[in-house]
N, C-alpha and C. Protein backbone atom coordinates (compact mmCIF):
# COMPACT_ATOMS: atom_id res chain seq x y z
N MET A 1 -25.41 62.70 -69.33
CA MET A 1 -24.43 62.49 -68.26
C MET A 1 -23.48 61.57 -68.93
N ARG A 2 -21.99 61.90 -68.37
CA ARG A 2 -21.15 61.31 -69.02
C ARG A 2 -20.72 60.24 -68.21
N ASN A 3 -20.25 59.32 -68.92
CA ASN A 3 -19.63 58.03 -68.17
C ASN A 3 -18.34 58.29 -67.67
N PRO A 4 -18.01 57.68 -66.29
CA PRO A 4 -17.06 57.57 -65.66
C PRO A 4 -15.77 56.98 -66.62
N VAL A 5 -14.60 57.75 -66.25
CA VAL A 5 -13.29 57.52 -66.97
C VAL A 5 -12.20 57.28 -66.04
N GLY A 6 -11.21 56.85 -66.39
CA GLY A 6 -9.94 56.80 -65.43
C GLY A 6 -10.28 55.23 -64.81
N ALA A 7 -9.67 55.49 -63.55
CA ALA A 7 -9.47 54.63 -62.25
C ALA A 7 -10.98 54.06 -62.23
N ALA A 8 -12.12 54.64 -62.51
CA ALA A 8 -13.46 54.19 -62.45
C ALA A 8 -13.66 52.99 -63.16
N VAL A 9 -13.04 52.78 -64.46
CA VAL A 9 -13.47 52.24 -65.32
C VAL A 9 -12.32 51.26 -65.96
N LEU A 10 -12.17 49.89 -65.48
CA LEU A 10 -11.14 48.97 -66.28
C LEU A 10 -11.73 48.01 -67.42
N ARG A 11 -11.52 48.30 -68.22
CA ARG A 11 -12.27 47.73 -69.53
C ARG A 11 -11.60 46.33 -69.63
N PRO A 12 -12.25 45.29 -69.46
CA PRO A 12 -11.73 43.92 -69.43
C PRO A 12 -11.34 43.73 -70.75
N GLU A 13 -11.63 44.10 -72.05
CA GLU A 13 -10.85 43.94 -73.16
C GLU A 13 -9.46 44.56 -73.46
N LYS A 14 -9.38 45.81 -72.60
CA LYS A 14 -8.06 46.80 -72.57
C LYS A 14 -7.23 45.73 -71.51
N THR A 15 -7.71 45.34 -70.43
CA THR A 15 -7.05 44.46 -69.78
C THR A 15 -6.35 43.39 -70.39
N ALA A 16 -7.11 42.60 -71.05
CA ALA A 16 -6.89 41.45 -71.88
C ALA A 16 -5.57 41.72 -72.89
N SER A 17 -5.91 43.08 -73.50
CA SER A 17 -4.71 43.36 -74.49
C SER A 17 -3.48 43.63 -73.76
N ILE A 18 -3.69 44.19 -72.72
CA ILE A 18 -2.37 44.48 -71.93
C ILE A 18 -1.80 43.14 -71.36
N THR A 19 -2.61 42.24 -71.20
CA THR A 19 -1.89 40.84 -70.40
C THR A 19 -1.33 40.36 -71.73
N GLU A 20 -1.85 40.14 -72.74
CA GLU A 20 -1.17 39.66 -73.78
C GLU A 20 0.04 40.55 -74.18
N ALA A 21 0.16 41.61 -73.99
CA ALA A 21 1.35 42.51 -74.08
C ALA A 21 2.53 42.08 -73.08
N VAL A 22 2.15 42.05 -71.99
CA VAL A 22 3.02 41.73 -70.94
C VAL A 22 3.83 40.11 -71.23
N LEU A 23 2.68 39.22 -71.47
CA LEU A 23 3.31 37.83 -71.82
C LEU A 23 4.28 37.97 -73.17
N ALA A 24 3.94 38.68 -73.93
CA ALA A 24 4.81 38.57 -75.34
C ALA A 24 6.24 39.22 -74.85
N GLU A 25 5.83 40.57 -74.02
CA GLU A 25 7.33 41.04 -73.76
C GLU A 25 8.10 39.99 -72.81
N LEU A 26 7.37 39.39 -72.21
CA LEU A 26 8.26 38.55 -70.91
C LEU A 26 8.77 37.48 -71.97
N ALA A 27 8.09 37.04 -72.93
CA ALA A 27 8.70 35.90 -73.69
C ALA A 27 9.71 36.29 -74.65
N GLU A 28 9.74 37.48 -74.97
CA GLU A 28 10.75 38.16 -75.93
C GLU A 28 12.02 38.64 -75.32
N VAL A 29 11.84 39.27 -74.38
CA VAL A 29 12.91 40.07 -73.60
C VAL A 29 13.36 39.61 -72.31
N GLY A 30 12.51 38.80 -71.58
CA GLY A 30 12.63 38.28 -70.22
C GLY A 30 12.19 39.40 -69.22
N TYR A 31 12.15 38.62 -67.77
CA TYR A 31 11.63 39.59 -66.72
C TYR A 31 12.50 40.66 -66.60
N ALA A 32 13.83 40.60 -66.43
CA ALA A 32 14.98 41.48 -66.28
C ALA A 32 14.72 42.72 -67.23
N ARG A 33 14.53 42.54 -68.49
CA ARG A 33 14.38 43.73 -69.36
C ARG A 33 12.79 44.00 -69.65
N LEU A 34 12.26 43.38 -68.94
CA LEU A 34 10.46 43.83 -69.19
C LEU A 34 10.37 45.42 -68.55
N SER A 35 9.77 46.38 -69.01
CA SER A 35 9.39 47.67 -68.55
C SER A 35 8.13 47.95 -68.72
N MET A 36 7.72 48.90 -67.72
CA MET A 36 6.12 49.27 -68.14
C MET A 36 5.97 50.20 -69.25
N GLU A 37 7.06 50.78 -69.74
CA GLU A 37 6.88 51.52 -70.92
C GLU A 37 6.83 50.55 -72.29
N SER A 38 7.59 49.47 -72.13
CA SER A 38 7.62 48.53 -73.52
C SER A 38 6.27 47.98 -73.53
N VAL A 39 5.59 47.39 -72.33
CA VAL A 39 4.30 46.81 -72.26
C VAL A 39 3.40 47.86 -72.69
N ALA A 40 3.33 49.06 -72.38
CA ALA A 40 2.27 49.94 -72.65
C ALA A 40 2.31 50.30 -74.22
N ARG A 41 3.76 50.42 -74.59
CA ARG A 41 3.95 50.79 -76.07
C ARG A 41 3.24 49.30 -77.21
N ARG A 42 3.53 48.14 -76.40
CA ARG A 42 3.00 47.23 -77.24
C ARG A 42 1.61 47.31 -77.02
N ALA A 43 1.13 47.58 -76.04
CA ALA A 43 -0.68 47.28 -75.91
C ALA A 43 -1.29 48.54 -76.46
N GLY A 44 -0.48 49.68 -76.91
CA GLY A 44 -1.05 50.79 -77.40
C GLY A 44 -1.60 51.61 -76.37
N VAL A 45 -1.24 51.29 -75.05
CA VAL A 45 -2.06 52.24 -74.06
C VAL A 45 -1.04 53.15 -73.47
N GLY A 46 -1.26 54.17 -72.65
CA GLY A 46 -0.40 54.81 -71.86
C GLY A 46 -0.05 54.21 -70.64
N LYS A 47 1.28 54.62 -69.97
CA LYS A 47 1.57 53.77 -68.74
C LYS A 47 0.43 53.76 -67.61
N SER A 48 -0.31 54.95 -67.61
CA SER A 48 -1.22 55.02 -66.37
C SER A 48 -2.22 53.82 -66.44
N ALA A 49 -2.58 53.47 -67.59
CA ALA A 49 -3.41 52.20 -67.97
C ALA A 49 -2.85 50.95 -67.19
N LEU A 50 -1.42 50.86 -66.94
CA LEU A 50 -1.16 49.82 -66.44
C LEU A 50 -0.95 50.03 -64.85
N TYR A 51 -0.67 51.27 -64.55
CA TYR A 51 -0.78 51.52 -62.98
C TYR A 51 -1.94 51.63 -62.39
N ARG A 52 -2.88 51.91 -63.21
CA ARG A 52 -4.30 51.66 -62.65
C ARG A 52 -4.50 50.08 -62.32
N ARG A 53 -4.16 49.19 -62.92
CA ARG A 53 -4.16 47.89 -62.86
C ARG A 53 -3.26 47.11 -61.85
N TRP A 54 -2.08 47.60 -61.80
CA TRP A 54 -1.11 47.20 -61.02
C TRP A 54 0.18 47.92 -60.39
N PRO A 55 0.55 47.86 -59.13
CA PRO A 55 1.52 48.89 -58.51
C PRO A 55 2.88 48.76 -59.40
N GLY A 56 3.13 47.98 -60.07
CA GLY A 56 4.44 48.07 -60.68
C GLY A 56 4.72 46.60 -61.28
N LYS A 57 6.09 46.61 -61.85
CA LYS A 57 6.56 45.33 -62.65
C LYS A 57 6.08 43.83 -62.18
N VAL A 58 6.69 43.60 -60.70
CA VAL A 58 6.36 42.45 -60.24
C VAL A 58 4.99 42.21 -60.22
N ALA A 59 4.15 42.93 -59.65
CA ALA A 59 2.61 42.39 -59.91
C ALA A 59 2.07 42.39 -61.29
N MET A 60 2.55 43.21 -62.17
CA MET A 60 2.02 43.16 -63.46
C MET A 60 2.52 41.94 -64.09
N ALA A 61 3.62 41.53 -64.04
CA ALA A 61 4.30 40.23 -64.61
C ALA A 61 3.35 39.01 -64.24
N THR A 62 3.36 38.73 -62.92
CA THR A 62 2.89 37.76 -62.18
C THR A 62 1.47 37.74 -62.16
N ALA A 63 0.76 38.60 -62.23
CA ALA A 63 -0.70 38.64 -62.64
C ALA A 63 -1.14 38.22 -64.24
N ALA A 64 -0.29 38.88 -64.73
CA ALA A 64 -0.61 38.46 -66.24
C ALA A 64 -0.36 36.90 -66.54
N ILE A 65 0.85 36.53 -66.01
CA ILE A 65 1.03 34.92 -66.01
C ILE A 65 0.03 34.23 -65.48
N GLY A 66 -0.57 34.59 -64.21
CA GLY A 66 -1.54 33.88 -63.65
C GLY A 66 -2.94 33.99 -64.35
N GLU A 67 -2.96 35.17 -65.02
CA GLU A 67 -4.26 35.44 -65.85
C GLU A 67 -4.49 34.11 -66.81
N TRP A 68 -3.28 33.78 -67.59
CA TRP A 68 -3.08 32.77 -68.35
C TRP A 68 -3.15 31.14 -67.87
N ALA A 69 -2.31 31.12 -66.92
CA ALA A 69 -2.09 29.86 -66.32
C ALA A 69 -3.15 29.20 -65.30
N VAL A 70 -3.70 30.04 -64.61
CA VAL A 70 -4.79 29.58 -63.79
C VAL A 70 -6.05 28.99 -64.47
N PRO A 71 -6.37 29.53 -65.31
CA PRO A 71 -7.62 29.14 -66.04
C PRO A 71 -7.38 27.82 -66.80
N ALA A 72 -5.95 27.69 -67.35
CA ALA A 72 -5.42 26.41 -68.23
C ALA A 72 -5.37 25.13 -67.21
N ALA A 73 -5.42 25.24 -65.91
CA ALA A 73 -5.36 24.15 -65.12
C ALA A 73 -6.47 23.08 -65.26
N PRO A 74 -6.16 22.02 -65.55
CA PRO A 74 -7.44 21.19 -65.98
C PRO A 74 -7.93 20.72 -64.57
N ARG A 75 -9.18 20.49 -64.58
CA ARG A 75 -10.06 20.21 -63.51
C ARG A 75 -10.84 19.12 -63.73
N PRO A 76 -10.34 17.69 -63.86
CA PRO A 76 -11.04 16.76 -64.77
C PRO A 76 -12.04 16.42 -63.50
N ASP A 77 -13.13 15.27 -63.92
CA ASP A 77 -13.75 14.58 -62.87
C ASP A 77 -14.27 13.18 -63.76
N THR A 78 -13.07 12.49 -64.26
CA THR A 78 -13.51 11.23 -64.77
C THR A 78 -14.50 10.25 -64.01
N GLY A 79 -14.36 10.35 -62.60
CA GLY A 79 -14.82 9.27 -61.90
C GLY A 79 -13.81 8.45 -61.32
N SER A 80 -12.36 8.80 -61.84
CA SER A 80 -11.47 7.78 -61.31
C SER A 80 -10.22 8.48 -61.28
N LEU A 81 -9.34 8.36 -59.89
CA LEU A 81 -8.12 8.88 -59.77
C LEU A 81 -7.15 8.74 -60.91
N ARG A 82 -7.20 7.70 -61.51
CA ARG A 82 -6.29 7.02 -62.55
C ARG A 82 -6.67 8.03 -64.00
N GLY A 83 -8.06 8.15 -64.22
CA GLY A 83 -8.40 9.30 -65.49
C GLY A 83 -8.19 10.53 -64.87
N ASP A 84 -8.24 11.15 -63.74
CA ASP A 84 -8.13 12.54 -63.45
C ASP A 84 -6.67 12.69 -63.56
N ILE A 85 -5.83 11.70 -63.14
CA ILE A 85 -4.23 11.87 -63.21
C ILE A 85 -3.96 12.12 -64.76
N ARG A 86 -4.31 11.25 -65.32
CA ARG A 86 -4.12 11.41 -66.85
C ARG A 86 -4.32 12.62 -67.42
N VAL A 87 -5.22 13.24 -67.26
CA VAL A 87 -5.74 14.54 -67.97
C VAL A 87 -5.13 15.51 -67.10
N MET A 88 -4.71 15.71 -65.72
CA MET A 88 -4.01 16.72 -65.11
C MET A 88 -2.30 16.48 -65.75
N VAL A 89 -1.83 15.46 -65.79
CA VAL A 89 -0.71 15.26 -66.71
C VAL A 89 -0.51 15.71 -67.93
N GLU A 90 -1.61 15.44 -68.87
CA GLU A 90 -1.65 15.93 -70.02
C GLU A 90 -1.87 17.42 -69.96
N GLY A 91 -2.34 17.88 -69.26
CA GLY A 91 -2.70 19.40 -68.83
C GLY A 91 -1.26 19.87 -68.70
N MET A 92 -0.56 19.45 -67.94
CA MET A 92 0.46 20.16 -67.58
C MET A 92 1.66 20.00 -68.70
N VAL A 93 1.59 19.01 -69.37
CA VAL A 93 2.41 18.89 -70.56
C VAL A 93 2.11 20.01 -71.31
N ALA A 94 0.79 20.14 -71.74
CA ALA A 94 0.17 21.19 -72.68
C ALA A 94 0.79 22.65 -72.42
N TRP A 95 0.46 22.89 -70.79
CA TRP A 95 0.76 24.27 -70.23
C TRP A 95 2.22 24.42 -70.61
N LEU A 96 3.30 23.49 -70.11
CA LEU A 96 4.75 23.65 -70.28
C LEU A 96 4.96 23.77 -71.70
N SER A 97 4.49 23.04 -72.55
CA SER A 97 4.72 23.44 -73.95
C SER A 97 4.22 24.49 -74.59
N HIS A 98 3.56 25.37 -74.28
CA HIS A 98 2.88 26.47 -74.63
C HIS A 98 4.00 27.23 -75.17
N PRO A 99 4.20 27.88 -76.34
CA PRO A 99 5.28 28.62 -76.80
C PRO A 99 5.73 29.67 -75.85
N LEU A 100 4.56 30.47 -75.20
CA LEU A 100 5.06 31.51 -74.38
C LEU A 100 5.28 31.18 -73.14
N ILE A 101 4.73 30.06 -72.26
CA ILE A 101 5.09 29.59 -71.19
C ILE A 101 6.30 28.87 -71.31
N SER A 102 6.85 28.38 -72.15
CA SER A 102 7.91 27.61 -72.43
C SER A 102 9.21 28.40 -72.17
N ARG A 103 9.02 29.68 -72.50
CA ARG A 103 10.00 30.80 -72.52
C ARG A 103 10.06 31.63 -71.25
N ILE A 104 8.59 31.86 -70.73
CA ILE A 104 8.49 32.79 -69.78
C ILE A 104 8.83 31.96 -68.34
N LEU A 105 8.26 30.86 -68.18
CA LEU A 105 8.54 30.01 -66.84
C LEU A 105 9.90 29.95 -66.47
N PRO A 106 10.74 29.26 -67.18
CA PRO A 106 12.25 29.04 -66.50
C PRO A 106 12.79 30.66 -66.34
N ASP A 107 12.74 31.46 -66.95
CA ASP A 107 13.28 32.96 -66.53
C ASP A 107 12.46 33.62 -65.19
N MET A 108 11.07 33.41 -65.20
CA MET A 108 10.69 33.65 -63.89
C MET A 108 11.03 32.99 -62.64
N LEU A 109 11.20 31.76 -62.82
CA LEU A 109 11.64 31.04 -61.70
C LEU A 109 13.30 31.14 -61.36
N ALA A 110 13.92 31.48 -62.47
CA ALA A 110 15.22 31.84 -61.91
C ALA A 110 15.09 33.28 -61.24
N GLU A 111 14.40 34.31 -61.79
CA GLU A 111 14.21 35.49 -60.98
C GLU A 111 13.64 35.37 -59.62
N ALA A 112 12.71 34.41 -59.63
CA ALA A 112 12.04 34.08 -58.22
C ALA A 112 13.23 33.72 -57.37
N ALA A 113 14.25 32.86 -57.60
CA ALA A 113 15.28 32.44 -57.07
C ALA A 113 16.23 33.43 -56.34
N ARG A 114 16.16 34.48 -57.13
CA ARG A 114 17.04 35.66 -56.80
C ARG A 114 16.25 36.71 -56.00
N GLU A 115 15.10 37.00 -56.51
CA GLU A 115 14.40 38.06 -55.66
C GLU A 115 12.95 37.53 -54.96
N PRO A 116 13.04 37.74 -53.56
CA PRO A 116 12.10 37.26 -52.58
C PRO A 116 10.52 37.88 -53.19
N ALA A 117 10.50 38.92 -53.28
CA ALA A 117 9.51 39.68 -53.92
C ALA A 117 8.70 39.16 -55.11
N VAL A 118 9.56 38.64 -56.16
CA VAL A 118 9.04 37.91 -57.40
C VAL A 118 8.64 36.52 -56.93
N ALA A 119 9.37 36.01 -55.96
CA ALA A 119 8.96 34.59 -55.47
C ALA A 119 7.51 34.76 -54.92
N ALA A 120 7.39 35.67 -54.12
CA ALA A 120 6.12 35.71 -53.26
C ALA A 120 4.99 36.19 -54.20
N ALA A 121 5.30 37.07 -55.11
CA ALA A 121 4.19 37.49 -56.09
C ALA A 121 3.92 36.04 -56.99
N PHE A 122 4.75 35.45 -57.41
CA PHE A 122 4.65 34.29 -58.38
C PHE A 122 3.88 33.18 -57.60
N ARG A 123 4.17 33.25 -56.45
CA ARG A 123 3.40 32.18 -55.61
C ARG A 123 2.11 32.40 -55.56
N ASP A 124 1.99 33.79 -55.08
CA ASP A 124 0.47 34.17 -54.72
C ASP A 124 -0.40 34.27 -56.08
N ASN A 125 0.00 34.63 -57.33
CA ASN A 125 -0.66 34.83 -58.52
C ASN A 125 -0.50 33.68 -59.58
N VAL A 126 0.25 32.94 -59.25
CA VAL A 126 0.59 31.52 -60.16
C VAL A 126 0.46 30.42 -59.54
N THR A 127 1.34 29.90 -58.75
CA THR A 127 1.58 28.62 -58.05
C THR A 127 0.37 28.20 -57.31
N THR A 128 0.22 29.08 -56.25
CA THR A 128 -1.25 28.66 -54.96
C THR A 128 -2.44 28.68 -55.87
N PRO A 129 -2.69 29.73 -56.87
CA PRO A 129 -3.97 29.63 -57.34
C PRO A 129 -4.17 28.20 -58.56
N ARG A 130 -2.98 27.84 -59.22
CA ARG A 130 -3.06 26.76 -59.97
C ARG A 130 -3.29 25.57 -59.26
N ARG A 131 -2.35 25.37 -58.34
CA ARG A 131 -2.83 24.24 -57.16
C ARG A 131 -4.10 24.15 -56.84
N ASP A 132 -4.56 25.29 -56.20
CA ASP A 132 -5.89 25.36 -55.77
C ASP A 132 -7.05 24.83 -56.79
N ALA A 133 -6.63 25.36 -58.03
CA ALA A 133 -7.68 24.87 -59.00
C ALA A 133 -7.91 23.59 -59.33
N VAL A 134 -6.68 22.69 -58.96
CA VAL A 134 -6.94 21.35 -59.42
C VAL A 134 -7.00 20.72 -57.84
N ARG A 135 -6.96 21.05 -56.86
CA ARG A 135 -6.99 20.88 -55.41
C ARG A 135 -8.48 19.87 -55.15
N GLY A 136 -9.59 20.44 -56.00
CA GLY A 136 -10.83 19.77 -55.67
C GLY A 136 -10.72 18.19 -56.23
N VAL A 137 -10.12 18.21 -57.53
CA VAL A 137 -10.07 16.84 -58.08
C VAL A 137 -9.35 15.88 -57.24
N LEU A 138 -8.54 16.22 -56.27
CA LEU A 138 -7.79 15.14 -55.31
C LEU A 138 -8.63 15.11 -54.20
N GLU A 139 -9.19 16.21 -53.57
CA GLU A 139 -10.09 15.97 -52.66
C GLU A 139 -11.31 15.22 -52.89
N ARG A 140 -11.65 15.16 -53.92
CA ARG A 140 -12.81 14.21 -54.44
C ARG A 140 -12.28 12.85 -54.30
N ALA A 141 -11.07 12.53 -54.97
CA ALA A 141 -10.26 11.22 -54.96
C ALA A 141 -10.08 10.81 -53.68
N ALA A 142 -9.78 11.55 -52.75
CA ALA A 142 -9.60 11.30 -51.21
C ALA A 142 -11.13 11.08 -50.77
N ALA A 143 -12.13 11.73 -51.05
CA ALA A 143 -13.76 11.31 -50.42
C ALA A 143 -14.12 9.84 -50.73
N ARG A 144 -13.25 9.46 -52.21
CA ARG A 144 -13.85 8.19 -52.61
C ARG A 144 -12.88 6.97 -52.17
N GLY A 145 -11.93 7.61 -51.26
CA GLY A 145 -11.14 6.38 -50.75
C GLY A 145 -10.00 6.07 -51.52
N GLU A 146 -9.67 6.98 -52.54
CA GLU A 146 -8.64 6.41 -53.59
C GLU A 146 -7.32 7.06 -53.15
N LEU A 147 -7.17 8.27 -52.43
CA LEU A 147 -5.89 9.08 -52.31
C LEU A 147 -5.34 8.67 -51.09
N GLY A 148 -3.90 7.83 -51.10
CA GLY A 148 -3.32 7.47 -50.05
C GLY A 148 -2.32 8.36 -49.35
N VAL A 149 -2.05 9.36 -49.85
CA VAL A 149 -1.36 10.50 -49.16
C VAL A 149 -1.93 11.83 -49.36
N SER A 150 -1.21 12.77 -48.60
CA SER A 150 -2.01 14.08 -48.40
C SER A 150 -2.26 14.70 -49.75
N VAL A 151 -3.33 15.47 -49.81
CA VAL A 151 -3.42 16.26 -51.20
C VAL A 151 -2.20 17.11 -51.77
N ASP A 152 -1.74 17.91 -50.67
CA ASP A 152 -0.40 18.62 -50.97
C ASP A 152 0.69 17.81 -51.74
N LEU A 153 1.13 16.48 -50.80
CA LEU A 153 2.00 15.75 -51.50
C LEU A 153 1.58 15.36 -52.94
N ALA A 154 0.26 14.86 -53.04
CA ALA A 154 0.04 14.33 -54.48
C ALA A 154 0.21 15.67 -55.43
N LEU A 155 -0.26 16.84 -55.18
CA LEU A 155 -0.13 17.74 -56.11
C LEU A 155 1.43 17.91 -56.37
N ASP A 156 2.22 17.78 -55.41
CA ASP A 156 3.70 18.09 -55.62
C ASP A 156 4.16 16.89 -56.67
N LEU A 157 3.65 15.63 -56.27
CA LEU A 157 4.01 14.59 -57.11
C LEU A 157 3.45 14.68 -58.67
N LEU A 158 2.36 15.01 -58.95
CA LEU A 158 1.73 15.49 -60.20
C LEU A 158 2.67 16.24 -61.15
N GLY A 159 3.03 17.39 -60.61
CA GLY A 159 3.43 18.20 -61.27
C GLY A 159 4.99 18.19 -61.56
N ALA A 160 5.66 17.57 -60.56
CA ALA A 160 7.13 17.41 -60.44
C ALA A 160 7.78 16.83 -61.60
N PRO A 161 7.31 15.56 -61.80
CA PRO A 161 8.02 14.60 -62.94
C PRO A 161 7.78 15.50 -64.29
N VAL A 162 6.84 15.95 -64.44
CA VAL A 162 6.59 16.72 -65.96
C VAL A 162 7.45 17.91 -66.07
N TYR A 163 7.44 18.65 -64.90
CA TYR A 163 8.31 19.80 -65.09
C TYR A 163 9.54 19.58 -65.32
N TRP A 164 10.22 18.56 -64.43
CA TRP A 164 11.56 18.11 -64.52
C TRP A 164 12.08 17.79 -65.69
N ARG A 165 11.12 16.63 -66.53
CA ARG A 165 11.67 15.99 -67.82
C ARG A 165 11.45 17.30 -68.62
N MET A 166 10.50 18.13 -68.97
CA MET A 166 10.33 18.86 -69.83
C MET A 166 11.12 20.37 -69.64
N SER A 167 11.32 20.82 -68.74
CA SER A 167 12.17 21.82 -68.28
C SER A 167 13.27 21.69 -68.10
N VAL A 168 13.77 20.76 -67.21
CA VAL A 168 15.06 20.64 -66.65
C VAL A 168 15.80 20.05 -67.74
N ARG A 169 15.33 19.04 -67.90
CA ARG A 169 16.23 17.64 -68.85
C ARG A 169 15.87 18.11 -70.07
N GLN A 170 14.67 18.86 -70.53
CA GLN A 170 14.27 19.04 -72.18
C GLN A 170 14.26 17.74 -72.64
N GLU A 171 13.57 16.75 -72.03
CA GLU A 171 13.36 15.33 -72.77
C GLU A 171 12.11 15.24 -73.34
N ASP A 172 11.92 14.31 -74.24
CA ASP A 172 10.67 13.83 -74.76
C ASP A 172 9.58 13.57 -73.85
N HIS A 173 8.24 13.88 -73.98
CA HIS A 173 7.35 13.43 -73.15
C HIS A 173 6.21 12.77 -73.97
N GLY A 174 6.44 11.89 -74.89
CA GLY A 174 5.80 11.28 -75.39
C GLY A 174 4.59 10.28 -74.95
N PRO A 175 3.82 9.63 -75.71
CA PRO A 175 2.63 8.82 -75.01
C PRO A 175 2.95 7.64 -74.00
N GLU A 176 4.28 7.05 -74.42
CA GLU A 176 4.74 5.98 -73.74
C GLU A 176 5.23 6.40 -72.49
N TYR A 177 6.10 7.65 -72.63
CA TYR A 177 6.35 8.23 -71.06
C TYR A 177 5.08 8.69 -70.26
N LEU A 178 4.17 9.21 -70.83
CA LEU A 178 2.98 9.39 -70.20
C LEU A 178 2.22 8.38 -69.84
N ASP A 179 2.14 7.30 -70.26
CA ASP A 179 1.31 6.06 -69.95
C ASP A 179 2.29 5.43 -68.41
N GLU A 180 3.60 5.39 -68.65
CA GLU A 180 4.50 5.12 -67.51
C GLU A 180 4.36 5.94 -66.20
N LEU A 181 4.43 7.06 -66.70
CA LEU A 181 4.17 8.38 -65.53
C LEU A 181 3.00 8.13 -64.57
N VAL A 182 1.85 7.97 -65.39
CA VAL A 182 0.48 7.75 -64.80
C VAL A 182 0.49 6.75 -63.93
N GLU A 183 1.07 5.61 -64.51
CA GLU A 183 0.94 4.21 -63.68
C GLU A 183 1.71 4.35 -62.47
N ALA A 184 2.86 5.19 -62.62
CA ALA A 184 3.92 5.35 -61.49
C ALA A 184 3.03 6.29 -60.30
N LEU A 185 2.50 7.28 -60.80
CA LEU A 185 1.65 8.05 -59.93
C LEU A 185 0.53 7.56 -59.27
N VAL A 186 -0.18 6.59 -59.80
CA VAL A 186 -1.32 5.76 -59.44
C VAL A 186 -0.71 5.11 -58.22
N ARG A 187 0.45 4.30 -58.62
CA ARG A 187 1.01 3.52 -57.80
C ARG A 187 1.25 4.32 -56.46
N ALA A 188 1.98 5.54 -56.62
CA ALA A 188 2.70 6.26 -55.38
C ALA A 188 1.64 7.03 -54.74
N ILE A 189 0.40 7.34 -55.20
CA ILE A 189 -0.58 8.39 -54.49
C ILE A 189 -1.91 7.47 -53.82
N CYS A 190 -2.07 6.33 -54.82
CA CYS A 190 -3.33 5.74 -54.34
C CYS A 190 -3.19 4.83 -53.56
N THR A 191 -4.46 4.57 -52.82
CA THR A 191 -4.49 3.40 -51.56
C THR A 191 -4.38 2.04 -52.03
């Protein structure tokens, strides 16, 4: 008996190879010049392999970013909100410093500002799952009585300063800055 082929079989190693090709293309040429053809060529597959996984460019790009970004979100459990905040802030710095993400993220956010479909797909595949991945950390802090604001506000406050400093201002994020930021965040969101 012959093994099934085509849409019936999506090999994980092939999907990983395609995802790497999508991220490399996004970093190299940006979203506007990204094409299914160039990704297929870089991955060494036919375009049909892409279309079996995603309906088009928006879904492909945002799913690929999400495949990398969501597992990279730290989920610390140090026993204290201060310790968890430090790990999450350092995780955000590592994510934004990554050579691919540092080139892809600004471009995708600019595209999302212009295209509602890109914004929705980015939110569904990257932003919401990444926030949900660390939500439990803050819910545990709330259960311990350490959180003085809503979980959603705390999530906003944790990510925004690091993103602003690194991506918008393009300033250093050394240990002294991180120490000061963690202390400010603790004062802002703790009871």
